[in-house]
Amino acid sequence: MNQTDRILPGVALMIAFCIIAPLIDVASKLAAQGVPVGVIVLGRAIVQAVLMLPVVLLMNLPLRLNRRTLGLATLRALMLVASTYCFVAAVRVMPIADALAIVFVEPFVILLIGRLVLGEQVGPRRLAACIVGFLGSLFVIQPSFAAFGAVALFPLGTAVSFALYMLVTRHLSRDVHPVTMQFHTAALAALLCLPLLGLGTAVGAAPISFVLPQGIFWLWVFCVGLASTVSHMAITYALKFAPSSTLAPLHYLEIVTATLLGYIFFSDFPNALTFTGIAIIVASGLYVIHRERRLARAERLTTRTLAAPQSPL
């Protein structure tokens, strides 16, 4: 397929991700009514690993990781466990759309980490957009904090953990096929969950105690893993077909889907203050994407100019 033909399936897969990913949140919220949060995280990892292993084998992809990639894969799995735990703990009591809106400060976290830790150049306009985006998140956090307490801060933990997850993914994707990466991340996440659940059971910490699901809760835990696997494969191949600059604005459709599903399943609907915060976060995020596009375009033009042969006259 030429580049134009490839963009269309990329966009379609990104839209599929935005529809399927909130189902993870719905299944997590349903499962959390009868299963400890730590068990849901473990269940997601196990289901994803079991579903991905046949895909890896059918594609005849190598399973072995060298020491460097194993270390990065373990760090990626740790960030996945942290981000999943924080989000499931949040949606257990919070409306899905509220929690997801706070998580959408993650692009700003990536920019700030790039600026403060990695020394990347981030202009004043993008920094200002980050500040505005964080202020928007306060519009969502404030009423949630009043209603649910400190659990309203958990989505910020998801945002930070997922930002680190994405930064590690950038480095790991240079050496590991995305399908293999999904399998190893899930398998390592399951291994990381086991001692945590063992410790939680020993000390009587209910959120991280090991309790087998009962009845319908087996289905909800399985659906968390299934929706996670399908949605992550969709976005992985979307990014393979189309550039991230094209797909990034579409990601905000996930908030729309999450709001709709939250209303259908739980009768949750954002209030006016939350909608204001969501609008600020989305507008700030779209501005950051716009600036990233312009800077990337300017960099490409500069590179072409420097690479062009110079006239001797």
C-alpha atoms as a PDB file:
ATOM      1  CA  MET A   1       0.000   0.000   0.000  1.00  0.00           C
ATOM      2  CA  ASN A   2       1.158   3.571  -0.654  1.00  0.00           C
ATOM      3  CA  GLN A   3       1.328   6.092   2.181  1.00  0.00           C
ATOM      4  CA  THR A   4      -2.171   7.490   1.552  1.00  0.00           C
ATOM      5  CA  ASP A   5      -3.707   4.013   1.540  1.00  0.00           C
ATOM      6  CA  ARG A   6      -1.865   3.131   4.746  1.00  0.00           C
ATOM      7  CA  ILE A   7      -3.183   6.162   6.625  1.00  0.00           C
ATOM      8  CA  LEU A   8      -6.822   5.064   6.258  1.00  0.00           C
ATOM      9  CA  PRO A   9      -6.423   1.720   8.109  1.00  0.00           C
ATOM     10  CA  GLY A  10      -4.269   3.547  10.653  1.00  0.00           C
ATOM     11  CA  VAL A  11      -7.075   6.004  11.358  1.00  0.00           C
ATOM     12  CA  ALA A  12      -9.630   3.159  11.475  1.00  0.00           C
ATOM     13  CA  LEU A  13      -7.512   1.242  13.985  1.00  0.00           C
ATOM     14  CA  MET A  14      -7.060   4.358  16.127  1.00  0.00           C
ATOM     15  CA  ILE A  15     -10.828   4.876  16.216  1.00  0.00           C
ATOM     16  CA  ALA A  16     -11.205   1.199  17.152  1.00  0.00           C
ATOM     17  CA  PHE A  17      -8.770   1.774  20.017  1.00  0.00           C
ATOM     18  CA  CYS A  18     -10.797   4.754  21.252  1.00  0.00           C
ATOM     19  CA  ILE A  19     -13.953   2.611  21.260  1.00  0.00           C
ATOM     20  CA  ILE A  20     -12.429  -0.518  22.826  1.00  0.00           C
ATOM     21  CA  ALA A  21     -10.071   1.025  25.408  1.00  0.00           C
ATOM     22  CA  PRO A  22     -12.879   2.457  27.598  1.00  0.00           C
ATOM     23  CA  LEU A  23     -14.297  -1.075  27.791  1.00  0.00           C
ATOM     24  CA  ILE A  24     -11.209  -1.866  29.898  1.00  0.00           C
ATOM     25  CA  ASP A  25     -12.423   0.788  32.331  1.00  0.00           C
ATOM     26  CA  VAL A  26     -16.015  -0.499  32.328  1.00  0.00           C
ATOM     27  CA  ALA A  27     -14.887  -4.091  32.964  1.00  0.00           C
ATOM     28  CA  SER A  28     -12.452  -2.889  35.655  1.00  0.00           C
ATOM     29  CA  LYS A  29     -15.168  -0.932  37.461  1.00  0.00           C
ATOM     30  CA  LEU A  30     -17.509  -3.939  37.353  1.00  0.00           C
ATOM     31  CA  ALA A  31     -14.778  -6.333  38.512  1.00  0.00           C
ATOM     32  CA  ALA A  32     -13.670  -4.020  41.328  1.00  0.00           C
ATOM     33  CA  GLN A  33     -17.065  -4.353  43.006  1.00  0.00           C
ATOM     34  CA  GLY A  34     -16.143  -7.911  44.040  1.00  0.00           C
ATOM     35  CA  VAL A  35     -12.419  -8.430  43.388  1.00  0.00           C
ATOM     36  CA  PRO A  36      -9.378  -6.705  44.971  1.00  0.00           C
ATOM     37  CA  VAL A  37      -7.667  -4.207  42.671  1.00  0.00           C
ATOM     38  CA  GLY A  38      -4.392  -6.148  42.749  1.00  0.00           C
ATOM     39  CA  VAL A  39      -6.119  -9.306  41.502  1.00  0.00           C
ATOM     40  CA  ILE A  40      -7.638  -7.362  38.591  1.00  0.00           C
ATOM     41  CA  VAL A  41      -4.170  -6.140  37.619  1.00  0.00           C
ATOM     42  CA  LEU A  42      -2.820  -9.702  37.822  1.00  0.00           C
ATOM     43  CA  GLY A  43      -5.764 -11.025  35.813  1.00  0.00           C
ATOM     44  CA  ARG A  44      -5.245  -8.449  33.080  1.00  0.00           C
ATOM     45  CA  ALA A  45      -1.575  -9.396  32.782  1.00  0.00           C
ATOM     46  CA  ILE A  46      -2.218 -13.155  32.705  1.00  0.00           C
ATOM     47  CA  VAL A  47      -5.005 -12.918  30.113  1.00  0.00           C
ATOM     48  CA  GLN A  48      -2.946 -10.626  27.902  1.00  0.00           C
ATOM     49  CA  ALA A  49       0.110 -12.898  28.099  1.00  0.00           C
ATOM     50  CA  VAL A  50      -1.968 -16.021  27.307  1.00  0.00           C
ATOM     51  CA  LEU A  51      -3.649 -14.311  24.344  1.00  0.00           C
ATOM     52  CA  MET A  52      -0.411 -12.866  22.956  1.00  0.00           C
ATOM     53  CA  LEU A  53       1.727 -16.028  23.173  1.00  0.00           C
ATOM     54  CA  PRO A  54       0.011 -17.852  20.243  1.00  0.00           C
ATOM     55  CA  VAL A  55       0.317 -14.671  18.156  1.00  0.00           C
ATOM     56  CA  VAL A  56       4.044 -14.505  18.845  1.00  0.00           C
ATOM     57  CA  LEU A  57       4.458 -18.185  17.942  1.00  0.00           C
ATOM     58  CA  LEU A  58       2.334 -17.935  14.771  1.00  0.00           C
ATOM     59  CA  MET A  59       4.365 -14.958  13.597  1.00  0.00           C
ATOM     60  CA  ASN A  60       7.545 -16.898  14.387  1.00  0.00           C
ATOM     61  CA  LEU A  61       8.922 -14.006  16.425  1.00  0.00           C
ATOM     62  CA  PRO A  62      11.915 -14.492  18.742  1.00  0.00           C
ATOM     63  CA  LEU A  63      11.059 -14.727  22.434  1.00  0.00           C
ATOM     64  CA  ARG A  64      14.546 -14.245  23.854  1.00  0.00           C
ATOM     65  CA  LEU A  65      15.571 -10.862  25.244  1.00  0.00           C
ATOM     66  CA  ASN A  66      19.134  -9.759  25.934  1.00  0.00           C
ATOM     67  CA  ARG A  67      20.083  -8.230  29.266  1.00  0.00           C
ATOM     68  CA  ARG A  68      19.448  -4.646  28.183  1.00  0.00           C
ATOM     69  CA  THR A  69      16.060  -5.295  26.605  1.00  0.00           C
ATOM     70  CA  LEU A  70      15.030  -7.502  29.541  1.00  0.00           C
ATOM     71  CA  GLY A  71      15.771  -4.647  31.916  1.00  0.00           C
ATOM     72  CA  LEU A  72      13.734  -2.197  29.823  1.00  0.00           C
ATOM     73  CA  ALA A  73      10.896  -4.719  29.428  1.00  0.00           C
ATOM     74  CA  THR A  74      10.809  -5.222  33.214  1.00  0.00           C
ATOM     75  CA  LEU A  75      10.691  -1.458  33.777  1.00  0.00           C
ATOM     76  CA  ARG A  76       7.897  -1.174  31.198  1.00  0.00           C
ATOM     77  CA  ALA A  77       5.973  -3.946  32.973  1.00  0.00           C
ATOM     78  CA  LEU A  78       6.446  -2.209  36.329  1.00  0.00           C
ATOM     79  CA  MET A  79       5.040   1.034  34.894  1.00  0.00           C
ATOM     80  CA  LEU A  80       2.112  -0.918  33.431  1.00  0.00           C
ATOM     81  CA  VAL A  81       1.345  -2.465  36.835  1.00  0.00           C
ATOM     82  CA  ALA A  82       1.523   0.942  38.530  1.00  0.00           C
ATOM     83  CA  SER A  83      -0.624   2.745  35.952  1.00  0.00           C
ATOM     84  CA  THR A  84      -3.219  -0.038  35.862  1.00  0.00           C
ATOM     85  CA  TYR A  85      -3.440  -0.286  39.649  1.00  0.00           C
ATOM     86  CA  CYS A  86      -3.882   3.464  40.085  1.00  0.00           C
ATOM     87  CA  PHE A  87      -6.566   3.671  37.428  1.00  0.00           C
ATOM     88  CA  VAL A  88      -8.560   0.643  38.565  1.00  0.00           C
ATOM     89  CA  ALA A  89      -8.408   1.925  42.154  1.00  0.00           C
ATOM     90  CA  ALA A  90      -9.737   5.270  40.912  1.00  0.00           C
ATOM     91  CA  VAL A  91     -12.598   4.015  38.712  1.00  0.00           C
ATOM     92  CA  ARG A  92     -13.689   1.668  41.492  1.00  0.00           C
ATOM     93  CA  VAL A  93     -15.369   4.724  43.048  1.00  0.00           C
ATOM     94  CA  MET A  94     -14.994   7.576  40.523  1.00  0.00           C
ATOM     95  CA  PRO A  95     -16.875   8.109  37.263  1.00  0.00           C
ATOM     96  CA  ILE A  96     -14.821   6.723  34.368  1.00  0.00           C
ATOM     97  CA  ALA A  97     -14.849   9.975  32.369  1.00  0.00           C
ATOM     98  CA  ASP A  98     -13.549  11.978  35.350  1.00  0.00           C
ATOM     99  CA  ALA A  99     -10.665   9.590  35.974  1.00  0.00           C
ATOM    100  CA  LEU A 100      -9.785   9.366  32.270  1.00  0.00           C
ATOM    101  CA  ALA A 101      -9.830  13.147  31.865  1.00  0.00           C
ATOM    102  CA  ILE A 102      -7.193  13.469  34.605  1.00  0.00           C
ATOM    103  CA  VAL A 103      -5.098  10.746  32.963  1.00  0.00           C
ATOM    104  CA  PHE A 104      -5.066  12.808  29.758  1.00  0.00           C
ATOM    105  CA  VAL A 105      -2.461  15.122  31.299  1.00  0.00           C
ATOM    106  CA  GLU A 106      -0.013  12.312  30.400  1.00  0.00           C
ATOM    107  CA  PRO A 107       1.253  14.057  27.191  1.00  0.00           C
ATOM    108  CA  PHE A 108       2.138  17.079  29.305  1.00  0.00           C
ATOM    109  CA  VAL A 109       3.988  14.837  31.769  1.00  0.00           C
ATOM    110  CA  ILE A 110       6.003  13.384  28.869  1.00  0.00           C
ATOM    111  CA  LEU A 111       6.960  16.879  27.714  1.00  0.00           C
ATOM    112  CA  LEU A 112       7.996  17.930  31.213  1.00  0.00           C
ATOM    113  CA  ILE A 113      10.032  14.761  31.775  1.00  0.00           C
ATOM    114  CA  GLY A 114      11.704  15.347  28.405  1.00  0.00           C
ATOM    115  CA  ARG A 115      12.521  18.924  29.423  1.00  0.00           C
ATOM    116  CA  LEU A 116      13.567  18.414  33.041  1.00  0.00           C
ATOM    117  CA  VAL A 117      15.119  14.924  32.956  1.00  0.00           C
ATOM    118  CA  LEU A 118      16.204  14.247  29.377  1.00  0.00           C
ATOM    119  CA  GLY A 119      17.209  17.808  28.510  1.00  0.00           C
ATOM    120  CA  GLU A 120      14.978  17.997  25.435  1.00  0.00           C
ATOM    121  CA  GLN A 121      14.099  21.405  24.044  1.00  0.00           C
ATOM    122  CA  VAL A 122      10.553  22.433  24.965  1.00  0.00           C
ATOM    123  CA  GLY A 123       9.528  25.946  23.970  1.00  0.00           C
ATOM    124  CA  PRO A 124       7.654  28.421  26.185  1.00  0.00           C
ATOM    125  CA  ARG A 125       4.389  27.934  24.266  1.00  0.00           C
ATOM    126  CA  ARG A 126       4.316  24.195  24.910  1.00  0.00           C
ATOM    127  CA  LEU A 127       5.313  24.730  28.547  1.00  0.00           C
ATOM    128  CA  ALA A 128       2.442  27.205  28.892  1.00  0.00           C
ATOM    129  CA  ALA A 129       0.072  24.649  27.345  1.00  0.00           C
ATOM    130  CA  CYS A 130       1.280  22.078  29.898  1.00  0.00           C
ATOM    131  CA  ILE A 131       0.517  24.464  32.763  1.00  0.00           C
ATOM    132  CA  VAL A 132      -2.931  25.218  31.360  1.00  0.00           C
ATOM    133  CA  GLY A 133      -3.585  21.479  30.910  1.00  0.00           C
ATOM    134  CA  PHE A 134      -2.673  20.800  34.531  1.00  0.00           C
ATOM    135  CA  LEU A 135      -4.941  23.638  35.662  1.00  0.00           C
ATOM    136  CA  GLY A 136      -7.713  22.006  33.644  1.00  0.00           C
ATOM    137  CA  SER A 137      -7.127  18.763  35.527  1.00  0.00           C
ATOM    138  CA  LEU A 138      -7.756  20.641  38.800  1.00  0.00           C
ATOM    139  CA  PHE A 139     -11.265  21.444  37.579  1.00  0.00           C
ATOM    140  CA  VAL A 140     -11.842  17.673  37.408  1.00  0.00           C
ATOM    141  CA  ILE A 141      -9.928  16.748  40.558  1.00  0.00           C
ATOM    142  CA  GLN A 142     -11.488  19.360  42.866  1.00  0.00           C
ATOM    143  CA  PRO A 143     -15.078  18.028  42.960  1.00  0.00           C
ATOM    144  CA  SER A 144     -13.820  14.438  42.799  1.00  0.00           C
ATOM    145  CA  PHE A 145     -11.485  15.061  45.756  1.00  0.00           C
ATOM    146  CA  ALA A 146     -14.369  16.524  47.733  1.00  0.00           C
ATOM    147  CA  ALA A 147     -16.531  13.489  46.942  1.00  0.00           C
ATOM    148  CA  PHE A 148     -14.027  10.615  47.045  1.00  0.00           C
ATOM    149  CA  GLY A 149     -10.981  11.886  48.959  1.00  0.00           C
ATOM    150  CA  ALA A 150      -7.364  11.093  48.063  1.00  0.00           C
ATOM    151  CA  VAL A 151      -8.430   8.405  45.568  1.00  0.00           C
ATOM    152  CA  ALA A 152      -9.139  11.295  43.154  1.00  0.00           C
ATOM    153  CA  LEU A 153      -5.354  11.757  42.899  1.00  0.00           C
ATOM    154  CA  PHE A 154      -4.826   8.185  41.693  1.00  0.00           C
ATOM    155  CA  PRO A 155      -5.368   9.090  38.007  1.00  0.00           C
ATOM    156  CA  LEU A 156      -2.383  11.439  38.303  1.00  0.00           C
ATOM    157  CA  GLY A 157      -0.373   8.383  39.340  1.00  0.00           C
ATOM    158  CA  THR A 158      -1.637   6.673  36.200  1.00  0.00           C
ATOM    159  CA  ALA A 159      -0.621   9.697  34.085  1.00  0.00           C
ATOM    160  CA  VAL A 160       2.928   9.748  35.462  1.00  0.00           C
ATOM    161  CA  SER A 161       3.353   5.956  35.283  1.00  0.00           C
ATOM    162  CA  PHE A 162       1.983   5.788  31.738  1.00  0.00           C
ATOM    163  CA  ALA A 163       4.199   8.677  30.633  1.00  0.00           C
ATOM    164  CA  LEU A 164       7.245   6.710  31.843  1.00  0.00           C
ATOM    165  CA  TYR A 165       5.775   3.595  30.183  1.00  0.00           C
ATOM    166  CA  MET A 166       5.650   5.443  26.842  1.00  0.00           C
ATOM    167  CA  LEU A 167       9.195   6.781  27.195  1.00  0.00           C
ATOM    168  CA  VAL A 168      10.515   3.271  27.897  1.00  0.00           C
ATOM    169  CA  THR A 169       8.489   1.967  24.940  1.00  0.00           C
ATOM    170  CA  ARG A 170      10.257   4.418  22.609  1.00  0.00           C
ATOM    171  CA  HIS A 171      13.627   2.938  23.547  1.00  0.00           C
ATOM    172  CA  LEU A 172      12.478  -0.681  23.612  1.00  0.00           C
ATOM    173  CA  SER A 173      10.724  -0.500  20.221  1.00  0.00           C
ATOM    174  CA  ARG A 174      14.086  -0.028  18.492  1.00  0.00           C
ATOM    175  CA  ASP A 175      15.097  -3.599  19.348  1.00  0.00           C
ATOM    176  CA  VAL A 176      11.884  -5.554  20.044  1.00  0.00           C
ATOM    177  CA  HIS A 177       8.912  -6.282  17.764  1.00  0.00           C
ATOM    178  CA  PRO A 178       5.726  -4.646  19.151  1.00  0.00           C
ATOM    179  CA  VAL A 179       3.887  -7.979  19.347  1.00  0.00           C
ATOM    180  CA  THR A 180       6.732  -9.585  21.299  1.00  0.00           C
ATOM    181  CA  MET A 181       6.879  -6.480  23.475  1.00  0.00           C
ATOM    182  CA  GLN A 182       3.208  -6.849  24.379  1.00  0.00           C
ATOM    183  CA  PHE A 183       3.708 -10.485  25.392  1.00  0.00           C
ATOM    184  CA  HIS A 184       6.819  -9.871  27.485  1.00  0.00           C
ATOM    185  CA  THR A 185       5.308  -6.831  29.199  1.00  0.00           C
ATOM    186  CA  ALA A 186       2.224  -8.818  30.218  1.00  0.00           C
ATOM    187  CA  ALA A 187       4.203 -11.867  31.363  1.00  0.00           C
ATOM    188  CA  LEU A 188       6.646  -9.768  33.391  1.00  0.00           C
ATOM    189  CA  ALA A 189       3.759  -7.744  34.869  1.00  0.00           C
ATOM    190  CA  ALA A 190       2.153 -10.979  36.079  1.00  0.00           C
ATOM    191  CA  LEU A 191       5.429 -12.052  37.692  1.00  0.00           C
ATOM    192  CA  LEU A 192       5.757  -8.664  39.404  1.00  0.00           C
ATOM    193  CA  CYS A 193       2.189  -8.892  40.747  1.00  0.00           C
ATOM    194  CA  LEU A 194       2.651 -12.279  42.442  1.00  0.00           C
ATOM    195  CA  PRO A 195       5.027 -11.214  45.271  1.00  0.00           C
ATOM    196  CA  LEU A 196       3.015  -8.017  45.755  1.00  0.00           C
ATOM    197  CA  LEU A 197      -0.191  -9.997  46.223  1.00  0.00           C
ATOM    198  CA  GLY A 198       1.609 -12.470  48.479  1.00  0.00           C
ATOM    199  CA  LEU A 199       2.795  -9.614  50.697  1.00  0.00           C
ATOM    200  CA  GLY A 200      -0.640  -8.014  50.702  1.00  0.00           C
ATOM    201  CA  THR A 201      -2.264 -11.284  51.748  1.00  0.00           C
ATOM    202  CA  ALA A 202       0.299 -11.791  54.522  1.00  0.00           C
ATOM    203  CA  VAL A 203      -0.191  -8.338  56.063  1.00  0.00           C
ATOM    204  CA  GLY A 204      -3.951  -8.187  55.432  1.00  0.00           C
ATOM    205  CA  ALA A 205      -3.894  -5.279  52.962  1.00  0.00           C
ATOM    206  CA  ALA A 206      -7.272  -5.782  51.256  1.00  0.00           C
ATOM    207  CA  PRO A 207      -6.593  -3.955  47.945  1.00  0.00           C
ATOM    208  CA  ILE A 208      -3.571  -6.176  47.208  1.00  0.00           C
ATOM    209  CA  SER A 209      -4.704  -9.415  48.845  1.00  0.00           C
ATOM    210  CA  PHE A 210      -5.112 -12.517  46.711  1.00  0.00           C
ATOM    211  CA  VAL A 211      -8.780 -13.487  46.497  1.00  0.00           C
ATOM    212  CA  LEU A 212     -10.149 -15.694  43.726  1.00  0.00           C
ATOM    213  CA  PRO A 213     -12.995 -14.081  41.760  1.00  0.00           C
ATOM    214  CA  GLN A 214     -16.417 -15.639  42.171  1.00  0.00           C
ATOM    215  CA  GLY A 215     -19.195 -16.098  39.627  1.00  0.00           C
ATOM    216  CA  ILE A 216     -19.619 -13.276  37.106  1.00  0.00           C
ATOM    217  CA  PHE A 217     -16.473 -11.556  38.371  1.00  0.00           C
ATOM    218  CA  TRP A 218     -14.357 -14.138  36.499  1.00  0.00           C
ATOM    219  CA  LEU A 219     -15.910 -12.781  33.308  1.00  0.00           C
ATOM    220  CA  TRP A 220     -15.230  -9.148  34.197  1.00  0.00           C
ATOM    221  CA  VAL A 221     -11.570  -9.857  34.987  1.00  0.00           C
ATOM    222  CA  PHE A 222     -11.206 -11.770  31.708  1.00  0.00           C
ATOM    223  CA  CYS A 223     -12.814  -8.870  29.829  1.00  0.00           C
ATOM    224  CA  VAL A 224     -10.263  -6.471  31.319  1.00  0.00           C
ATOM    225  CA  GLY A 225      -7.462  -8.581  29.823  1.00  0.00           C
ATOM    226  CA  LEU A 226      -9.258  -9.148  26.525  1.00  0.00           C
ATOM    227  CA  ALA A 227     -10.086  -5.471  25.949  1.00  0.00           C
ATOM    228  CA  SER A 228      -6.541  -4.513  26.948  1.00  0.00           C
ATOM    229  CA  THR A 229      -5.025  -6.957  24.459  1.00  0.00           C
ATOM    230  CA  VAL A 230      -7.258  -5.965  21.548  1.00  0.00           C
ATOM    231  CA  SER A 231      -7.018  -2.207  22.149  1.00  0.00           C
ATOM    232  CA  HIS A 232      -3.233  -2.207  22.572  1.00  0.00           C
ATOM    233  CA  MET A 233      -2.774  -4.260  19.408  1.00  0.00           C
ATOM    234  CA  ALA A 234      -5.054  -1.813  17.582  1.00  0.00           C
ATOM    235  CA  ILE A 235      -3.021   1.224  18.589  1.00  0.00           C
ATOM    236  CA  THR A 236       0.262  -0.605  17.936  1.00  0.00           C
ATOM    237  CA  TYR A 237      -0.691  -1.304  14.329  1.00  0.00           C
ATOM    238  CA  ALA A 238      -2.364   2.099  13.935  1.00  0.00           C
ATOM    239  CA  LEU A 239       1.006   3.697  14.663  1.00  0.00           C
ATOM    240  CA  LYS A 240       2.618   1.321  12.169  1.00  0.00           C
ATOM    241  CA  PHE A 241       0.275   2.467   9.386  1.00  0.00           C
ATOM    242  CA  ALA A 242      -0.042   6.172  10.123  1.00  0.00           C
ATOM    243  CA  PRO A 243       2.212   8.811  11.753  1.00  0.00           C
ATOM    244  CA  SER A 244       1.556   9.686  15.368  1.00  0.00           C
ATOM    245  CA  SER A 245       0.982  13.337  14.399  1.00  0.00           C
ATOM    246  CA  THR A 246      -2.040  12.203  12.370  1.00  0.00           C
ATOM    247  CA  LEU A 247      -3.431   9.881  15.030  1.00  0.00           C
ATOM    248  CA  ALA A 248      -2.804  11.920  18.192  1.00  0.00           C
ATOM    249  CA  PRO A 249      -5.847  14.251  17.863  1.00  0.00           C
ATOM    250  CA  LEU A 250      -8.105  11.214  17.402  1.00  0.00           C
ATOM    251  CA  HIS A 251      -7.057   9.920  20.819  1.00  0.00           C
ATOM    252  CA  TYR A 252      -9.383  12.426  22.484  1.00  0.00           C
ATOM    253  CA  LEU A 253     -12.331  10.472  21.093  1.00  0.00           C
ATOM    254  CA  GLU A 254     -11.641   8.088  23.968  1.00  0.00           C
ATOM    255  CA  ILE A 255     -13.063  10.649  26.417  1.00  0.00           C
ATOM    256  CA  VAL A 256     -16.282  10.808  24.387  1.00  0.00           C
ATOM    257  CA  THR A 257     -16.601   7.009  24.383  1.00  0.00           C
ATOM    258  CA  ALA A 258     -15.761   6.797  28.091  1.00  0.00           C
ATOM    259  CA  THR A 259     -18.408   9.398  28.922  1.00  0.00           C
ATOM    260  CA  LEU A 260     -21.034   7.530  26.891  1.00  0.00           C
ATOM    261  CA  LEU A 261     -20.196   4.113  28.373  1.00  0.00           C
ATOM    262  CA  GLY A 262     -20.053   5.534  31.889  1.00  0.00           C
ATOM    263  CA  TYR A 263     -23.559   6.886  31.438  1.00  0.00           C
ATOM    264  CA  ILE A 264     -24.897   3.652  29.876  1.00  0.00           C
ATOM    265  CA  PHE A 265     -23.442   1.260  32.470  1.00  0.00           C
ATOM    266  CA  PHE A 266     -23.289   3.356  35.653  1.00  0.00           C
ATOM    267  CA  SER A 267     -25.494   6.426  35.028  1.00  0.00           C
ATOM    268  CA  ASP A 268     -22.425   8.627  35.594  1.00  0.00           C
ATOM    269  CA  PHE A 269     -22.284  11.920  33.722  1.00  0.00           C
ATOM    270  CA  PRO A 270     -19.707  14.710  34.175  1.00  0.00           C
ATOM    271  CA  ASN A 271     -20.958  17.907  35.825  1.00  0.00           C
ATOM    272  CA  ALA A 272     -20.354  21.387  34.401  1.00  0.00           C
ATOM    273  CA  LEU A 273     -17.057  21.883  36.268  1.00  0.00           C
ATOM    274  CA  THR A 274     -15.742  18.542  35.050  1.00  0.00           C
ATOM    275  CA  PHE A 275     -16.774  19.346  31.472  1.00  0.00           C
ATOM    276  CA  THR A 276     -14.897  22.647  31.759  1.00  0.00           C
ATOM    277  CA  GLY A 277     -11.782  20.818  32.916  1.00  0.00           C
ATOM    278  CA  ILE A 278     -12.096  18.259  30.125  1.00  0.00           C
ATOM    279  CA  ALA A 279     -12.438  21.055  27.543  1.00  0.00           C
ATOM    280  CA  ILE A 280      -9.314  22.805  28.891  1.00  0.00           C
ATOM    281  CA  ILE A 281      -7.277  19.581  28.885  1.00  0.00           C
ATOM    282  CA  VAL A 282      -8.361  18.659  25.349  1.00  0.00           C
ATOM    283  CA  ALA A 283      -7.731  22.176  24.008  1.00  0.00           C
ATOM    284  CA  SER A 284      -4.272  22.297  25.617  1.00  0.00           C
ATOM    285  CA  GLY A 285      -3.433  18.844  24.297  1.00  0.00           C
ATOM    286  CA  LEU A 286      -4.514  19.717  20.769  1.00  0.00           C
ATOM    287  CA  TYR A 287      -2.398  22.872  20.917  1.00  0.00           C
ATOM    288  CA  VAL A 288       0.651  20.847  21.984  1.00  0.00           C
ATOM    289  CA  ILE A 289       0.026  18.453  19.065  1.00  0.00           C
ATOM    290  CA  HIS A 290      -0.261  21.455  16.707  1.00  0.00           C
ATOM    291  CA  ARG A 291       3.058  22.850  17.938  1.00  0.00           C
ATOM    292  CA  GLU A 292       4.730  19.441  17.642  1.00  0.00           C
ATOM    293  CA  ARG A 293       3.560  19.218  14.010  1.00  0.00           C
ATOM    294  CA  ARG A 294       4.835  22.683  13.143  1.00  0.00           C
ATOM    295  CA  LEU A 295       8.220  22.060  14.757  1.00  0.00           C
ATOM    296  CA  ALA A 296       8.555  18.675  13.033  1.00  0.00           C
ATOM    297  CA  ARG A 297       7.655  20.251   9.681  1.00  0.00           C
ATOM    298  CA  ALA A 298      10.199  23.053  10.207  1.00  0.00           C
ATOM    299  CA  GLU A 299      12.870  20.522  11.157  1.00  0.00           C
ATOM    300  CA  ARG A 300      12.203  18.486   8.010  1.00  0.00           C
ATOM    301  CA  LEU A 301      12.451  21.614   5.824  1.00  0.00           C
ATOM    302  CA  THR A 302      15.721  22.591   7.489  1.00  0.00           C
ATOM    303  CA  THR A 303      17.124  19.096   6.951  1.00  0.00           C
ATOM    304  CA  ARG A 304      16.158  19.123   3.267  1.00  0.00           C
ATOM    305  CA  THR A 305      17.685  22.567   2.782  1.00  0.00           C
ATOM    306  CA  LEU A 306      20.971  21.507   4.346  1.00  0.00           C
ATOM    307  CA  ALA A 307      21.014  18.262   2.340  1.00  0.00           C
ATOM    308  CA  ALA A 308      20.348  19.988  -1.001  1.00  0.00           C
ATOM    309  CA  PRO A 309      23.425  20.461  -3.241  1.00  0.00           C
ATOM    310  CA  GLN A 310      24.796  23.966  -3.100  1.00  0.00           C
ATOM    311  CA  SER A 311      25.481  25.975  -6.252  1.00  0.00           C
ATOM    312  CA  PRO A 312      29.168  26.778  -6.752  1.00  0.00           C
ATOM    313  CA  LEU A 313      28.231  30.288  -7.917  1.00  0.00           C
END
